[in-house]
């Protein structure tokens, strides 16, 4: 993830100059490693938050499905699909999955029976279609 961030993502959207720097790669690996360390810390700090290994594995699968499945299928089978739609769908898929898991369900526990994967895939698909229709066709 840190290598993809360093080589593919940061140079495209910023003036990041560390695309070949070993020190830059080390910094990004450290920053990226803070995410799982933070989740592990939160799982110990708030045991009622259901952040065990099984729950986090299910959540990771939901993130993958919400982020990648709508754009993948859309780009394969829909002629109007675009890169802007794919990026929009991926962002909305990830954000909506995380918001459902960590914001909506803790506020309203009755919704906990509805898996976050369906929220991520549904909103990711809608965002993919809207982003593809908004921009020029590929």
C-alpha atoms as a PDB file:
ATOM      1  CA  UNK A   1       0.000   0.000   0.000  1.00  0.00           C
ATOM      2  CA  UNK A   2       2.819   2.399   0.820  1.00  0.00           C
ATOM      3  CA  UNK A   3       4.571   1.625  -2.474  1.00  0.00           C
ATOM      4  CA  UNK A   4       1.378   2.188  -4.459  1.00  0.00           C
ATOM      5  CA  UNK A   5       0.827   5.448  -2.596  1.00  0.00           C
ATOM      6  CA  UNK A   6       4.391   6.560  -3.280  1.00  0.00           C
ATOM      7  CA  UNK A   7       4.671   5.551  -6.936  1.00  0.00           C
ATOM      8  CA  UNK A   8       1.132   5.902  -8.288  1.00  0.00           C
ATOM      9  CA  UNK A   9      -1.106   8.111  -6.182  1.00  0.00           C
ATOM     10  CA  UNK A  10       0.910  10.932  -4.626  1.00  0.00           C
ATOM     11  CA  UNK A  11       2.767  12.004  -7.792  1.00  0.00           C
ATOM     12  CA  UNK A  12      -0.536  12.184  -9.688  1.00  0.00           C
ATOM     13  CA  UNK A  13      -2.350  14.459  -7.241  1.00  0.00           C
ATOM     14  CA  UNK A  14       0.435  16.395  -5.513  1.00  0.00           C
ATOM     15  CA  UNK A  15       3.897  17.770  -6.142  1.00  0.00           C
ATOM     16  CA  UNK A  16       5.358  14.862  -4.189  1.00  0.00           C
ATOM     17  CA  UNK A  17       9.008  14.398  -5.193  1.00  0.00           C
ATOM     18  CA  UNK A  18       9.824  11.278  -3.175  1.00  0.00           C
ATOM     19  CA  UNK A  19       8.763   8.729  -5.796  1.00  0.00           C
ATOM     20  CA  UNK A  20      12.206   7.117  -5.803  1.00  0.00           C
ATOM     21  CA  UNK A  21      13.409   8.112  -2.359  1.00  0.00           C
ATOM     22  CA  UNK A  22      14.098   5.341   0.132  1.00  0.00           C
ATOM     23  CA  UNK A  23      13.542   7.782   2.986  1.00  0.00           C
ATOM     24  CA  UNK A  24      10.185   8.739   1.459  1.00  0.00           C
ATOM     25  CA  UNK A  25       9.211   5.069   1.224  1.00  0.00           C
ATOM     26  CA  UNK A  26      10.145   4.505   4.858  1.00  0.00           C
ATOM     27  CA  UNK A  27       8.048   7.471   5.959  1.00  0.00           C
ATOM     28  CA  UNK A  28       5.027   6.210   4.035  1.00  0.00           C
ATOM     29  CA  UNK A  29       5.397   2.682   5.422  1.00  0.00           C
ATOM     30  CA  UNK A  30       5.528   4.158   8.929  1.00  0.00           C
ATOM     31  CA  UNK A  31       2.452   6.313   8.294  1.00  0.00           C
ATOM     32  CA  UNK A  32       0.574   3.378   6.771  1.00  0.00           C
ATOM     33  CA  UNK A  33       1.553   1.117   9.696  1.00  0.00           C
ATOM     34  CA  UNK A  34      -0.125   3.552  12.086  1.00  0.00           C
ATOM     35  CA  UNK A  35      -3.560   2.514  10.748  1.00  0.00           C
ATOM     36  CA  UNK A  36      -3.505  -1.141  11.892  1.00  0.00           C
ATOM     37  CA  UNK A  37      -1.683  -0.150  15.067  1.00  0.00           C
ATOM     38  CA  UNK A  38      -4.430   2.376  15.795  1.00  0.00           C
ATOM     39  CA  UNK A  39      -7.131  -0.216  15.159  1.00  0.00           C
ATOM     40  CA  UNK A  40      -5.385  -2.688  17.466  1.00  0.00           C
ATOM     41  CA  UNK A  41      -5.134   0.003  20.128  1.00  0.00           C
ATOM     42  CA  UNK A  42      -8.821   0.874  19.758  1.00  0.00           C
ATOM     43  CA  UNK A  43      -9.817  -2.783  20.014  1.00  0.00           C
ATOM     44  CA  UNK A  44      -8.103  -2.959  23.417  1.00  0.00           C
ATOM     45  CA  UNK A  45      -9.356   0.441  24.544  1.00  0.00           C
ATOM     46  CA  UNK A  46     -12.994  -0.200  23.547  1.00  0.00           C
ATOM     47  CA  UNK A  47     -13.701  -3.942  23.713  1.00  0.00           C
ATOM     48  CA  UNK A  48     -17.420  -3.340  23.096  1.00  0.00           C
ATOM     49  CA  UNK A  49     -16.673  -1.841  19.651  1.00  0.00           C
ATOM     50  CA  UNK A  50     -16.387  -5.301  18.053  1.00  0.00           C
ATOM     51  CA  UNK A  51     -12.953  -4.710  16.547  1.00  0.00           C
ATOM     52  CA  UNK A  52     -11.687  -8.278  16.927  1.00  0.00           C
ATOM     53  CA  UNK A  53      -9.841 -10.117  14.179  1.00  0.00           C
ATOM     54  CA  UNK A  54     -12.991 -11.676  12.727  1.00  0.00           C
ATOM     55  CA  UNK A  55     -14.872  -8.370  12.624  1.00  0.00           C
ATOM     56  CA  UNK A  56     -11.925  -6.550  11.065  1.00  0.00           C
ATOM     57  CA  UNK A  57     -11.494  -9.302   8.469  1.00  0.00           C
ATOM     58  CA  UNK A  58     -15.165  -9.047   7.518  1.00  0.00           C
ATOM     59  CA  UNK A  59     -14.817  -5.261   7.405  1.00  0.00           C
ATOM     60  CA  UNK A  60     -11.764  -5.526   5.134  1.00  0.00           C
ATOM     61  CA  UNK A  61     -13.722  -7.739   2.743  1.00  0.00           C
ATOM     62  CA  UNK A  62     -16.570  -5.229   2.785  1.00  0.00           C
ATOM     63  CA  UNK A  63     -14.120  -2.428   1.965  1.00  0.00           C
ATOM     64  CA  UNK A  64     -12.713  -4.391  -0.976  1.00  0.00           C
ATOM     65  CA  UNK A  65     -16.169  -5.215  -2.318  1.00  0.00           C
ATOM     66  CA  UNK A  66     -17.506  -1.683  -1.850  1.00  0.00           C
ATOM     67  CA  UNK A  67     -14.461  -0.077  -3.420  1.00  0.00           C
ATOM     68  CA  UNK A  68     -13.563  -2.393  -6.281  1.00  0.00           C
ATOM     69  CA  UNK A  69     -16.533  -4.492  -7.383  1.00  0.00           C
ATOM     70  CA  UNK A  70     -18.776  -1.740  -8.865  1.00  0.00           C
ATOM     71  CA  UNK A  71     -15.980  -0.064 -10.878  1.00  0.00           C
ATOM     72  CA  UNK A  72     -14.546  -3.401 -11.995  1.00  0.00           C
ATOM     73  CA  UNK A  73     -17.843  -4.712 -13.330  1.00  0.00           C
ATOM     74  CA  UNK A  74     -18.816  -1.324 -14.713  1.00  0.00           C
ATOM     75  CA  UNK A  75     -15.553  -0.811 -16.578  1.00  0.00           C
ATOM     76  CA  UNK A  76     -15.788  -4.310 -18.029  1.00  0.00           C
ATOM     77  CA  UNK A  77     -19.404  -4.256 -19.179  1.00  0.00           C
ATOM     78  CA  UNK A  78     -20.594  -0.646 -19.548  1.00  0.00           C
ATOM     79  CA  UNK A  79     -19.462   1.413 -22.538  1.00  0.00           C
ATOM     80  CA  UNK A  80     -20.204   4.732 -20.809  1.00  0.00           C
ATOM     81  CA  UNK A  81     -17.899   3.943 -17.857  1.00  0.00           C
ATOM     82  CA  UNK A  82     -15.036   6.353 -17.202  1.00  0.00           C
ATOM     83  CA  UNK A  83     -11.989   6.696 -14.990  1.00  0.00           C
ATOM     84  CA  UNK A  84     -13.648   9.573 -13.128  1.00  0.00           C
ATOM     85  CA  UNK A  85     -16.607   7.321 -12.389  1.00  0.00           C
ATOM     86  CA  UNK A  86     -14.295   4.551 -11.184  1.00  0.00           C
ATOM     87  CA  UNK A  87     -12.452   6.847  -8.786  1.00  0.00           C
ATOM     88  CA  UNK A  88     -15.712   8.344  -7.535  1.00  0.00           C
ATOM     89  CA  UNK A  89     -17.210   4.882  -7.001  1.00  0.00           C
ATOM     90  CA  UNK A  90     -14.127   3.667  -5.149  1.00  0.00           C
ATOM     91  CA  UNK A  91     -14.060   6.661  -2.818  1.00  0.00           C
ATOM     92  CA  UNK A  92     -17.791   6.484  -2.087  1.00  0.00           C
ATOM     93  CA  UNK A  93     -17.622   2.709  -1.605  1.00  0.00           C
ATOM     94  CA  UNK A  94     -14.873   2.944   1.002  1.00  0.00           C
ATOM     95  CA  UNK A  95     -16.265   5.987   2.803  1.00  0.00           C
ATOM     96  CA  UNK A  96     -19.832   4.689   2.966  1.00  0.00           C
ATOM     97  CA  UNK A  97     -18.688   1.279   4.238  1.00  0.00           C
ATOM     98  CA  UNK A  98     -16.593   2.873   6.985  1.00  0.00           C
ATOM     99  CA  UNK A  99     -19.266   5.401   7.955  1.00  0.00           C
ATOM    100  CA  UNK A 100     -21.882   2.645   8.188  1.00  0.00           C
ATOM    101  CA  UNK A 101     -19.632   0.460  10.377  1.00  0.00           C
ATOM    102  CA  UNK A 102     -18.203   3.124  12.676  1.00  0.00           C
ATOM    103  CA  UNK A 103     -20.837   5.889  12.740  1.00  0.00           C
ATOM    104  CA  UNK A 104     -24.314   4.697  11.778  1.00  0.00           C
ATOM    105  CA  UNK A 105     -24.380   1.309  13.531  1.00  0.00           C
ATOM    106  CA  UNK A 106     -22.985   2.621  16.862  1.00  0.00           C
ATOM    107  CA  UNK A 107     -25.630   5.374  16.848  1.00  0.00           C
ATOM    108  CA  UNK A 108     -28.464   3.023  15.854  1.00  0.00           C
ATOM    109  CA  UNK A 109     -27.553  -0.582  16.837  1.00  0.00           C
ATOM    110  CA  UNK A 110     -30.753  -1.984  15.298  1.00  0.00           C
ATOM    111  CA  UNK A 111     -29.155  -1.417  11.881  1.00  0.00           C
ATOM    112  CA  UNK A 112     -26.219  -3.652  12.829  1.00  0.00           C
ATOM    113  CA  UNK A 113     -27.914  -6.654  11.258  1.00  0.00           C
ATOM    114  CA  UNK A 114     -27.627  -5.060   7.813  1.00  0.00           C
ATOM    115  CA  UNK A 115     -24.088  -5.782   6.541  1.00  0.00           C
ATOM    116  CA  UNK A 116     -21.935  -2.815   5.594  1.00  0.00           C
ATOM    117  CA  UNK A 117     -20.865  -4.547   2.383  1.00  0.00           C
ATOM    118  CA  UNK A 118     -24.283  -3.881   0.828  1.00  0.00           C
ATOM    119  CA  UNK A 119     -24.139  -0.207   1.782  1.00  0.00           C
ATOM    120  CA  UNK A 120     -20.655   0.154   0.273  1.00  0.00           C
ATOM    121  CA  UNK A 121     -21.516  -1.680  -2.933  1.00  0.00           C
ATOM    122  CA  UNK A 122     -24.832   0.139  -3.366  1.00  0.00           C
ATOM    123  CA  UNK A 123     -23.502   3.653  -2.809  1.00  0.00           C
ATOM    124  CA  UNK A 124     -20.291   2.834  -4.677  1.00  0.00           C
ATOM    125  CA  UNK A 125     -22.359   1.724  -7.675  1.00  0.00           C
ATOM    126  CA  UNK A 126     -24.502   4.855  -7.575  1.00  0.00           C
ATOM    127  CA  UNK A 127     -21.416   7.065  -7.337  1.00  0.00           C
ATOM    128  CA  UNK A 128     -19.714   5.137 -10.157  1.00  0.00           C
ATOM    129  CA  UNK A 129     -22.704   5.620 -12.454  1.00  0.00           C
ATOM    130  CA  UNK A 130     -23.079   9.305 -11.518  1.00  0.00           C
ATOM    131  CA  UNK A 131     -19.352   9.964 -11.959  1.00  0.00           C
ATOM    132  CA  UNK A 132     -19.323   8.202 -15.317  1.00  0.00           C
ATOM    133  CA  UNK A 133     -22.370  10.101 -16.557  1.00  0.00           C
ATOM    134  CA  UNK A 134     -20.964  13.438 -15.357  1.00  0.00           C
ATOM    135  CA  UNK A 135     -17.601  13.182 -17.108  1.00  0.00           C
ATOM    136  CA  UNK A 136     -16.808  12.544 -20.743  1.00  0.00           C
ATOM    137  CA  UNK A 137     -17.055   8.924 -21.934  1.00  0.00           C
ATOM    138  CA  UNK A 138     -13.813   7.044 -22.341  1.00  0.00           C
END
